[in-house]
Amino acid sequence: MARKQAGKQKPTNKAFRKRFPPRDSAAVRALAANVRRLGKERDWSQDQLAAELEIEQNAVSLIENARSNPTILVVEEIARVFDIGLAELLEAPRGKNA
């Protein structure tokens, strides 16, 4: 049996997936892909983006992995930080052949 560390137990993958399931939403998937792409284009880490947004790094990770349903205020701030329109941020990325 696993030992607890100072009263804290690391969540299992199953518990994580239950708490943060992948969102079945085209808008959330588009947001995730665009945030990842725009961060890479600027060579920003999740920590750097989190600092710009004034949110936690784990919140950025959840957004980038389509496991979050961020508020419209956070989505607006993401668009502002990347200097793009809100609609562009939520637009589905085009494939390489498009």
N, C-alpha and C. Protein backbone atom coordinates (compact mmCIF):
# COMPACT_ATOMS: atom_id res chain seq x y z
N MET A 1 0.84 -1.19 0.00
CA MET A 1 0.00 0.00 0.00
C MET A 1 0.89 1.25 0.00
N ALA A 2 0.53 2.25 -0.78
CA ALA A 2 1.33 3.47 -0.90
C ALA A 2 1.25 4.27 0.40
N ARG A 3 2.38 4.88 0.76
CA ARG A 3 2.43 5.70 1.96
C ARG A 3 2.03 7.13 1.62
N LYS A 4 1.31 7.74 2.54
CA LYS A 4 0.94 9.14 2.37
C LYS A 4 2.09 10.01 2.81
N GLN A 5 2.25 11.15 2.14
CA GLN A 5 3.31 12.08 2.49
C GLN A 5 2.69 13.29 3.16
N ALA A 6 2.96 13.42 4.45
CA ALA A 6 2.49 14.57 5.23
C ALA A 6 1.00 14.84 5.03
N GLY A 7 0.20 13.79 5.00
CA GLY A 7 -1.24 13.95 4.88
C GLY A 7 -1.74 14.21 3.47
N LYS A 8 -0.83 14.27 2.52
CA LYS A 8 -1.23 14.52 1.13
C LYS A 8 -0.99 13.27 0.32
N GLN A 9 -1.93 12.99 -0.57
CA GLN A 9 -1.76 11.84 -1.45
C GLN A 9 -1.89 12.32 -2.89
N LYS A 10 -0.94 11.92 -3.72
CA LYS A 10 -0.97 12.31 -5.13
C LYS A 10 -2.18 11.66 -5.79
N PRO A 11 -2.99 12.44 -6.54
CA PRO A 11 -4.16 11.84 -7.17
C PRO A 11 -3.75 10.83 -8.24
N THR A 12 -4.54 9.80 -8.35
CA THR A 12 -4.28 8.81 -9.39
C THR A 12 -4.72 9.36 -10.74
N ASN A 13 -4.22 8.76 -11.81
CA ASN A 13 -4.65 9.19 -13.14
C ASN A 13 -6.15 9.07 -13.29
N LYS A 14 -6.73 8.02 -12.73
CA LYS A 14 -8.18 7.82 -12.81
C LYS A 14 -8.91 8.96 -12.10
N ALA A 15 -8.43 9.34 -10.94
CA ALA A 15 -9.04 10.44 -10.20
C ALA A 15 -8.89 11.75 -10.96
N PHE A 16 -7.72 11.96 -11.56
CA PHE A 16 -7.48 13.18 -12.34
C PHE A 16 -8.44 13.23 -13.53
N ARG A 17 -8.54 12.12 -14.26
CA ARG A 17 -9.42 12.08 -15.43
C ARG A 17 -10.87 12.29 -15.05
N LYS A 18 -11.25 11.82 -13.88
CA LYS A 18 -12.63 12.02 -13.42
C LYS A 18 -12.87 13.48 -13.07
N ARG A 19 -11.88 14.09 -12.40
CA ARG A 19 -12.03 15.49 -12.00
C ARG A 19 -11.88 16.45 -13.17
N PHE A 20 -10.98 16.11 -14.11
CA PHE A 20 -10.72 16.98 -15.25
C PHE A 20 -10.86 16.20 -16.55
N PRO A 21 -12.08 15.83 -16.92
CA PRO A 21 -12.26 15.06 -18.15
C PRO A 21 -12.00 15.93 -19.38
N PRO A 22 -11.53 15.32 -20.47
CA PRO A 22 -11.41 16.09 -21.71
C PRO A 22 -12.79 16.61 -22.09
N ARG A 23 -12.87 17.86 -22.46
CA ARG A 23 -14.15 18.48 -22.82
C ARG A 23 -14.52 18.11 -24.25
N ASP A 24 -15.76 17.72 -24.43
CA ASP A 24 -16.26 17.35 -25.75
C ASP A 24 -16.92 18.57 -26.38
N SER A 25 -16.11 19.55 -26.71
CA SER A 25 -16.60 20.81 -27.25
C SER A 25 -15.63 21.29 -28.32
N ALA A 26 -16.16 21.61 -29.48
CA ALA A 26 -15.31 22.11 -30.56
C ALA A 26 -14.63 23.41 -30.15
N ALA A 27 -15.34 24.27 -29.43
CA ALA A 27 -14.76 25.55 -29.01
C ALA A 27 -13.62 25.34 -28.02
N VAL A 28 -13.79 24.41 -27.08
CA VAL A 28 -12.74 24.15 -26.09
C VAL A 28 -11.52 23.52 -26.76
N ARG A 29 -11.76 22.61 -27.71
CA ARG A 29 -10.64 21.99 -28.43
C ARG A 29 -9.91 23.03 -29.28
N ALA A 30 -10.64 23.94 -29.91
CA ALA A 30 -10.02 25.00 -30.71
C ALA A 30 -9.21 25.93 -29.81
N LEU A 31 -9.78 26.31 -28.68
CA LEU A 31 -9.07 27.17 -27.73
C LEU A 31 -7.77 26.49 -27.29
N ALA A 32 -7.85 25.21 -26.96
CA ALA A 32 -6.67 24.47 -26.51
C ALA A 32 -5.58 24.47 -27.58
N ALA A 33 -5.95 24.14 -28.80
CA ALA A 33 -4.98 24.08 -29.89
C ALA A 33 -4.37 25.45 -30.16
N ASN A 34 -5.20 26.48 -30.15
CA ASN A 34 -4.70 27.82 -30.44
C ASN A 34 -3.80 28.35 -29.33
N VAL A 35 -4.12 28.08 -28.08
CA VAL A 35 -3.28 28.53 -26.97
C VAL A 35 -1.92 27.83 -27.05
N ARG A 36 -1.93 26.52 -27.32
CA ARG A 36 -0.66 25.80 -27.47
C ARG A 36 0.17 26.38 -28.62
N ARG A 37 -0.48 26.58 -29.78
CA ARG A 37 0.21 27.10 -30.96
C ARG A 37 0.77 28.50 -30.72
N LEU A 38 -0.05 29.38 -30.18
CA LEU A 38 0.38 30.76 -29.97
C LEU A 38 1.49 30.84 -28.92
N GLY A 39 1.41 30.01 -27.90
CA GLY A 39 2.48 29.97 -26.90
C GLY A 39 3.79 29.50 -27.52
N LYS A 40 3.72 28.46 -28.37
CA LYS A 40 4.92 27.95 -29.05
C LYS A 40 5.50 29.01 -29.98
N GLU A 41 4.63 29.71 -30.71
CA GLU A 41 5.11 30.74 -31.63
C GLU A 41 5.89 31.83 -30.90
N ARG A 42 5.51 32.09 -29.66
CA ARG A 42 6.20 33.12 -28.86
C ARG A 42 7.29 32.52 -27.99
N ASP A 43 7.45 31.21 -28.07
CA ASP A 43 8.43 30.49 -27.26
C ASP A 43 8.20 30.73 -25.77
N TRP A 44 6.92 30.73 -25.38
CA TRP A 44 6.54 30.91 -23.98
C TRP A 44 6.28 29.56 -23.34
N SER A 45 6.74 29.39 -22.13
CA SER A 45 6.39 28.22 -21.33
C SER A 45 4.99 28.45 -20.75
N GLN A 46 4.43 27.40 -20.19
CA GLN A 46 3.15 27.55 -19.51
C GLN A 46 3.29 28.51 -18.34
N ASP A 47 4.43 28.49 -17.67
CA ASP A 47 4.67 29.41 -16.56
C ASP A 47 4.66 30.86 -17.03
N GLN A 48 5.29 31.11 -18.18
CA GLN A 48 5.33 32.48 -18.70
C GLN A 48 3.93 32.95 -19.09
N LEU A 49 3.16 32.09 -19.75
CA LEU A 49 1.80 32.47 -20.11
C LEU A 49 0.96 32.69 -18.87
N ALA A 50 1.12 31.82 -17.89
CA ALA A 50 0.36 31.96 -16.64
C ALA A 50 0.67 33.31 -15.98
N ALA A 51 1.94 33.69 -15.99
CA ALA A 51 2.32 34.98 -15.40
C ALA A 51 1.66 36.13 -16.15
N GLU A 52 1.66 36.06 -17.48
CA GLU A 52 1.00 37.10 -18.29
C GLU A 52 -0.49 37.19 -17.99
N LEU A 53 -1.11 36.04 -17.78
CA LEU A 53 -2.56 35.98 -17.53
C LEU A 53 -2.92 36.18 -16.07
N GLU A 54 -1.89 36.12 -15.20
CA GLU A 54 -2.10 36.19 -13.76
C GLU A 54 -3.00 35.07 -13.26
N ILE A 55 -2.71 33.84 -13.76
CA ILE A 55 -3.39 32.64 -13.31
C ILE A 55 -2.31 31.60 -13.00
N GLU A 56 -2.71 30.48 -12.44
CA GLU A 56 -1.77 29.42 -12.10
C GLU A 56 -1.34 28.64 -13.34
N GLN A 57 -0.12 28.11 -13.32
CA GLN A 57 0.40 27.31 -14.43
C GLN A 57 -0.49 26.10 -14.69
N ASN A 58 -1.01 25.47 -13.63
CA ASN A 58 -1.85 24.29 -13.85
C ASN A 58 -3.14 24.65 -14.57
N ALA A 59 -3.63 25.87 -14.41
CA ALA A 59 -4.82 26.31 -15.14
C ALA A 59 -4.51 26.41 -16.64
N VAL A 60 -3.31 26.91 -16.97
CA VAL A 60 -2.89 26.97 -18.37
C VAL A 60 -2.79 25.55 -18.93
N SER A 61 -2.22 24.64 -18.18
CA SER A 61 -2.11 23.25 -18.63
C SER A 61 -3.49 22.66 -18.92
N LEU A 62 -4.44 22.88 -18.03
CA LEU A 62 -5.79 22.35 -18.25
C LEU A 62 -6.43 22.96 -19.49
N ILE A 63 -6.20 24.24 -19.72
CA ILE A 63 -6.74 24.89 -20.93
C ILE A 63 -6.10 24.29 -22.17
N GLU A 64 -4.77 24.15 -22.16
CA GLU A 64 -4.05 23.62 -23.33
C GLU A 64 -4.41 22.17 -23.63
N ASN A 65 -4.91 21.46 -22.66
CA ASN A 65 -5.25 20.05 -22.84
C ASN A 65 -6.75 19.82 -22.93
N ALA A 66 -7.51 20.89 -23.16
CA ALA A 66 -8.96 20.83 -23.32
C ALA A 66 -9.63 20.12 -22.15
N ARG A 67 -9.12 20.36 -20.95
CA ARG A 67 -9.68 19.78 -19.73
C ARG A 67 -10.26 20.87 -18.83
N SER A 68 -10.45 22.04 -19.37
CA SER A 68 -10.93 23.16 -18.59
C SER A 68 -12.06 23.86 -19.33
N ASN A 69 -12.90 24.50 -18.58
CA ASN A 69 -13.97 25.31 -19.14
C ASN A 69 -13.76 26.73 -18.59
N PRO A 70 -12.77 27.45 -19.16
CA PRO A 70 -12.42 28.75 -18.58
C PRO A 70 -13.55 29.76 -18.74
N THR A 71 -13.57 30.72 -17.84
CA THR A 71 -14.59 31.78 -17.92
C THR A 71 -14.33 32.64 -19.15
N ILE A 72 -15.34 33.34 -19.57
CA ILE A 72 -15.19 34.24 -20.72
C ILE A 72 -14.16 35.32 -20.41
N LEU A 73 -14.04 35.72 -19.15
CA LEU A 73 -13.05 36.72 -18.78
C LEU A 73 -11.64 36.21 -19.00
N VAL A 74 -11.40 34.94 -18.68
CA VAL A 74 -10.08 34.35 -18.92
C VAL A 74 -9.82 34.24 -20.42
N VAL A 75 -10.82 33.82 -21.17
CA VAL A 75 -10.66 33.70 -22.63
C VAL A 75 -10.38 35.06 -23.24
N GLU A 76 -11.08 36.09 -22.79
CA GLU A 76 -10.81 37.45 -23.28
C GLU A 76 -9.38 37.88 -22.95
N GLU A 77 -8.92 37.53 -21.77
CA GLU A 77 -7.56 37.90 -21.37
C GLU A 77 -6.52 37.15 -22.20
N ILE A 78 -6.80 35.90 -22.52
CA ILE A 78 -5.90 35.13 -23.39
C ILE A 78 -5.79 35.82 -24.75
N ALA A 79 -6.92 36.21 -25.31
CA ALA A 79 -6.93 36.90 -26.60
C ALA A 79 -6.14 38.21 -26.51
N ARG A 80 -6.32 38.94 -25.42
CA ARG A 80 -5.60 40.21 -25.25
C ARG A 80 -4.10 39.98 -25.16
N VAL A 81 -3.69 38.99 -24.38
CA VAL A 81 -2.26 38.70 -24.20
C VAL A 81 -1.61 38.32 -25.52
N PHE A 82 -2.33 37.56 -26.35
CA PHE A 82 -1.79 37.15 -27.65
C PHE A 82 -2.08 38.18 -28.74
N ASP A 83 -2.78 39.26 -28.40
CA ASP A 83 -3.09 40.34 -29.33
C ASP A 83 -3.83 39.84 -30.56
N ILE A 84 -4.86 39.04 -30.30
CA ILE A 84 -5.73 38.56 -31.38
C ILE A 84 -7.18 38.74 -30.95
N GLY A 85 -8.07 38.62 -31.91
CA GLY A 85 -9.49 38.73 -31.62
C GLY A 85 -10.02 37.47 -30.94
N LEU A 86 -11.07 37.64 -30.19
CA LEU A 86 -11.70 36.53 -29.49
C LEU A 86 -12.16 35.45 -30.47
N ALA A 87 -12.74 35.86 -31.58
CA ALA A 87 -13.21 34.89 -32.58
C ALA A 87 -12.05 34.08 -33.14
N GLU A 88 -10.92 34.72 -33.39
CA GLU A 88 -9.74 34.02 -33.91
C GLU A 88 -9.23 32.98 -32.92
N LEU A 89 -9.30 33.31 -31.64
CA LEU A 89 -8.84 32.39 -30.60
C LEU A 89 -9.70 31.13 -30.55
N LEU A 90 -10.99 31.27 -30.88
CA LEU A 90 -11.91 30.14 -30.80
C LEU A 90 -12.13 29.46 -32.14
N GLU A 91 -11.45 29.95 -33.17
CA GLU A 91 -11.58 29.36 -34.50
C GLU A 91 -10.79 28.07 -34.58
N ALA A 92 -11.41 27.05 -35.16
CA ALA A 92 -10.74 25.75 -35.30
C ALA A 92 -9.50 25.92 -36.17
N PRO A 93 -8.38 25.36 -35.71
CA PRO A 93 -7.15 25.46 -36.52
C PRO A 93 -7.32 24.73 -37.84
N ARG A 94 -6.74 25.25 -38.87
CA ARG A 94 -6.79 24.61 -40.18
C ARG A 94 -5.67 23.63 -40.30
N GLY A 95 -5.94 22.52 -40.99
CA GLY A 95 -4.91 21.51 -41.22
C GLY A 95 -3.87 22.01 -42.20
N LYS A 96 -2.79 21.29 -42.31
CA LYS A 96 -1.71 21.69 -43.20
C LYS A 96 -2.15 21.69 -44.66
N ASN A 97 -3.17 20.90 -44.98
CA ASN A 97 -3.65 20.80 -46.36
C ASN A 97 -4.76 21.75 -46.68
N ALA A 98 -5.21 22.52 -45.68
CA ALA A 98 -6.36 23.43 -45.90
C ALA A 98 -5.94 24.72 -46.55
